[in-house]
């Protein structure tokens, strides 16, 4: 099909919308990558805070009774559950980011 001046003038709206749509897709992909990276860093900060709280709680429990109280402390178990949830979230975000950065290397069979 010949794309002459008449065709271009007739379909200028379609051409403009196609260009706009392709631009929006690339912006959406870039934005998602930025959001993933920010979320990974934010979850890392939360992880550090929980680890600090766990250390403080262990120090408190050691002062009162050094026996096996740490294994039955509900507050400590809750903090470890939060830590496990954050670890799972960080790993899923890292995996998604790697899949976006290196789409052909989903199962780590290629060199980067």
C-alpha atoms as a PDB file:
ATOM      1  CA  UNK A   1       0.000   0.000   0.000  1.00  0.00           C
ATOM      2  CA  UNK A   2       1.324   3.372  -0.934  1.00  0.00           C
ATOM      3  CA  UNK A   3       1.609   5.856   1.932  1.00  0.00           C
ATOM      4  CA  UNK A   4       1.368   9.045  -0.006  1.00  0.00           C
ATOM      5  CA  UNK A   5       0.331  12.493   1.123  1.00  0.00           C
ATOM      6  CA  UNK A   6      -3.368  11.797   0.579  1.00  0.00           C
ATOM      7  CA  UNK A   7      -3.227   8.627   2.699  1.00  0.00           C
ATOM      8  CA  UNK A   8      -1.274  10.439   5.433  1.00  0.00           C
ATOM      9  CA  UNK A   9      -3.739  13.339   5.541  1.00  0.00           C
ATOM     10  CA  UNK A  10      -6.706  10.962   5.607  1.00  0.00           C
ATOM     11  CA  UNK A  11      -5.311   8.842   8.420  1.00  0.00           C
ATOM     12  CA  UNK A  12      -3.377  11.464  10.427  1.00  0.00           C
ATOM     13  CA  UNK A  13      -5.506  10.831  13.539  1.00  0.00           C
ATOM     14  CA  UNK A  14      -4.871   7.072  13.411  1.00  0.00           C
ATOM     15  CA  UNK A  15      -1.146   7.601  12.940  1.00  0.00           C
ATOM     16  CA  UNK A  16      -0.986  10.048  15.844  1.00  0.00           C
ATOM     17  CA  UNK A  17      -2.932   7.716  18.137  1.00  0.00           C
ATOM     18  CA  UNK A  18      -0.679   4.763  17.246  1.00  0.00           C
ATOM     19  CA  UNK A  19       2.421   6.795  18.093  1.00  0.00           C
ATOM     20  CA  UNK A  20       0.837   8.008  21.339  1.00  0.00           C
ATOM     21  CA  UNK A  21      -0.196   4.483  22.328  1.00  0.00           C
ATOM     22  CA  UNK A  22       3.299   3.067  21.738  1.00  0.00           C
ATOM     23  CA  UNK A  23       4.782   5.941  23.757  1.00  0.00           C
ATOM     24  CA  UNK A  24       2.372   5.324  26.629  1.00  0.00           C
ATOM     25  CA  UNK A  25       3.256   1.626  26.701  1.00  0.00           C
ATOM     26  CA  UNK A  26       6.948   2.349  27.089  1.00  0.00           C
ATOM     27  CA  UNK A  27       6.247   4.924  29.804  1.00  0.00           C
ATOM     28  CA  UNK A  28       4.078   2.401  31.690  1.00  0.00           C
ATOM     29  CA  UNK A  29       6.837  -0.219  31.548  1.00  0.00           C
ATOM     30  CA  UNK A  30       9.449   2.255  32.771  1.00  0.00           C
ATOM     31  CA  UNK A  31       7.179   3.483  35.555  1.00  0.00           C
ATOM     32  CA  UNK A  32       6.528  -0.068  36.758  1.00  0.00           C
ATOM     33  CA  UNK A  33      10.278  -0.699  36.908  1.00  0.00           C
ATOM     34  CA  UNK A  34      10.799   2.442  38.979  1.00  0.00           C
ATOM     35  CA  UNK A  35       7.968   1.482  41.330  1.00  0.00           C
ATOM     36  CA  UNK A  36       9.443  -2.004  41.767  1.00  0.00           C
ATOM     37  CA  UNK A  37      12.884  -0.629  42.605  1.00  0.00           C
ATOM     38  CA  UNK A  38      11.456   1.884  45.078  1.00  0.00           C
ATOM     39  CA  UNK A  39       9.336  -0.816  46.723  1.00  0.00           C
ATOM     40  CA  UNK A  40      12.338  -3.136  47.058  1.00  0.00           C
ATOM     41  CA  UNK A  41      14.288  -0.395  48.849  1.00  0.00           C
ATOM     42  CA  UNK A  42      11.315   0.501  51.058  1.00  0.00           C
ATOM     43  CA  UNK A  43      10.801  -3.126  52.076  1.00  0.00           C
ATOM     44  CA  UNK A  44      14.521  -3.362  52.858  1.00  0.00           C
ATOM     45  CA  UNK A  45      14.166  -0.430  55.253  1.00  0.00           C
ATOM     46  CA  UNK A  46      11.166  -2.098  56.904  1.00  0.00           C
ATOM     47  CA  UNK A  47      13.148  -5.320  57.199  1.00  0.00           C
ATOM     48  CA  UNK A  48      16.002  -3.484  58.941  1.00  0.00           C
ATOM     49  CA  UNK A  49      13.569  -1.889  61.410  1.00  0.00           C
ATOM     50  CA  UNK A  50      11.978  -5.243  62.261  1.00  0.00           C
ATOM     51  CA  UNK A  51      15.397  -6.843  62.745  1.00  0.00           C
ATOM     52  CA  UNK A  52      16.270  -3.993  65.107  1.00  0.00           C
ATOM     53  CA  UNK A  53      13.001  -4.526  67.029  1.00  0.00           C
ATOM     54  CA  UNK A  54      13.711  -8.268  67.240  1.00  0.00           C
ATOM     55  CA  UNK A  55      17.138  -7.529  68.714  1.00  0.00           C
ATOM     56  CA  UNK A  56      15.640  -5.178  71.284  1.00  0.00           C
ATOM     57  CA  UNK A  57      12.980  -7.728  72.224  1.00  0.00           C
ATOM     58  CA  UNK A  58      15.580 -10.475  72.620  1.00  0.00           C
ATOM     59  CA  UNK A  59      17.632  -8.216  74.884  1.00  0.00           C
ATOM     60  CA  UNK A  60      14.526  -7.535  77.012  1.00  0.00           C
ATOM     61  CA  UNK A  61      13.708 -11.229  77.306  1.00  0.00           C
ATOM     62  CA  UNK A  62      17.294 -12.087  78.211  1.00  0.00           C
ATOM     63  CA  UNK A  63      17.219  -9.652  81.145  1.00  0.00           C
ATOM     64  CA  UNK A  64      14.021 -11.065  82.654  1.00  0.00           C
ATOM     65  CA  UNK A  65      14.512 -14.775  82.096  1.00  0.00           C
ATOM     66  CA  UNK A  66      17.254 -16.243  79.922  1.00  0.00           C
ATOM     67  CA  UNK A  67      15.575 -19.650  79.660  1.00  0.00           C
ATOM     68  CA  UNK A  68      13.666 -20.734  76.572  1.00  0.00           C
ATOM     69  CA  UNK A  69      11.169 -17.881  76.822  1.00  0.00           C
ATOM     70  CA  UNK A  70      12.085 -16.656  73.355  1.00  0.00           C
ATOM     71  CA  UNK A  71      10.424 -19.710  71.814  1.00  0.00           C
ATOM     72  CA  UNK A  72       7.036 -18.971  73.381  1.00  0.00           C
ATOM     73  CA  UNK A  73       6.981 -15.164  73.138  1.00  0.00           C
ATOM     74  CA  UNK A  74       3.995 -14.118  70.982  1.00  0.00           C
ATOM     75  CA  UNK A  75       5.383 -10.661  70.174  1.00  0.00           C
ATOM     76  CA  UNK A  76       8.640 -12.160  68.925  1.00  0.00           C
ATOM     77  CA  UNK A  77       6.775 -14.716  66.796  1.00  0.00           C
ATOM     78  CA  UNK A  78       4.731 -11.904  65.270  1.00  0.00           C
ATOM     79  CA  UNK A  79       7.876  -9.974  64.365  1.00  0.00           C
ATOM     80  CA  UNK A  80       9.387 -13.072  62.737  1.00  0.00           C
ATOM     81  CA  UNK A  81       6.161 -13.565  60.750  1.00  0.00           C
ATOM     82  CA  UNK A  82       6.387  -9.961  59.549  1.00  0.00           C
ATOM     83  CA  UNK A  83      10.023 -10.515  58.617  1.00  0.00           C
ATOM     84  CA  UNK A  84       9.125 -13.621  56.606  1.00  0.00           C
ATOM     85  CA  UNK A  85       6.375 -11.711  54.796  1.00  0.00           C
ATOM     86  CA  UNK A  86       8.763  -8.913  53.888  1.00  0.00           C
ATOM     87  CA  UNK A  87      11.370 -11.412  52.662  1.00  0.00           C
ATOM     88  CA  UNK A  88       8.766 -13.076  50.436  1.00  0.00           C
ATOM     89  CA  UNK A  89       7.654  -9.719  49.052  1.00  0.00           C
ATOM     90  CA  UNK A  90      11.223  -8.590  48.367  1.00  0.00           C
ATOM     91  CA  UNK A  91      12.004 -11.850  46.558  1.00  0.00           C
ATOM     92  CA  UNK A  92       8.887 -11.605  44.387  1.00  0.00           C
ATOM     93  CA  UNK A  93       9.654  -7.969  43.499  1.00  0.00           C
ATOM     94  CA  UNK A  94      13.274  -8.847  42.660  1.00  0.00           C
ATOM     95  CA  UNK A  95      12.111 -11.708  40.450  1.00  0.00           C
ATOM     96  CA  UNK A  96       9.616  -9.476  38.624  1.00  0.00           C
ATOM     97  CA  UNK A  97      12.257  -6.781  38.126  1.00  0.00           C
ATOM     98  CA  UNK A  98      14.749  -9.316  36.762  1.00  0.00           C
ATOM     99  CA  UNK A  99      12.109 -10.653  34.360  1.00  0.00           C
ATOM    100  CA  UNK A 100      11.456  -7.111  33.143  1.00  0.00           C
ATOM    101  CA  UNK A 101      15.146  -6.278  32.756  1.00  0.00           C
ATOM    102  CA  UNK A 102      16.146  -9.575  31.125  1.00  0.00           C
ATOM    103  CA  UNK A 103      13.011 -11.041  29.502  1.00  0.00           C
ATOM    104  CA  UNK A 104      14.779 -13.936  27.770  1.00  0.00           C
ATOM    105  CA  UNK A 105      16.532 -15.113  30.927  1.00  0.00           C
ATOM    106  CA  UNK A 106      13.552 -16.189  33.004  1.00  0.00           C
ATOM    107  CA  UNK A 107      15.125 -19.477  34.150  1.00  0.00           C
ATOM    108  CA  UNK A 108      18.727 -18.197  34.439  1.00  0.00           C
ATOM    109  CA  UNK A 109      19.954 -20.198  31.423  1.00  0.00           C
ATOM    110  CA  UNK A 110      21.578 -17.262  29.686  1.00  0.00           C
ATOM    111  CA  UNK A 111      24.484 -14.977  30.405  1.00  0.00           C
ATOM    112  CA  UNK A 112      23.934 -11.317  31.116  1.00  0.00           C
END
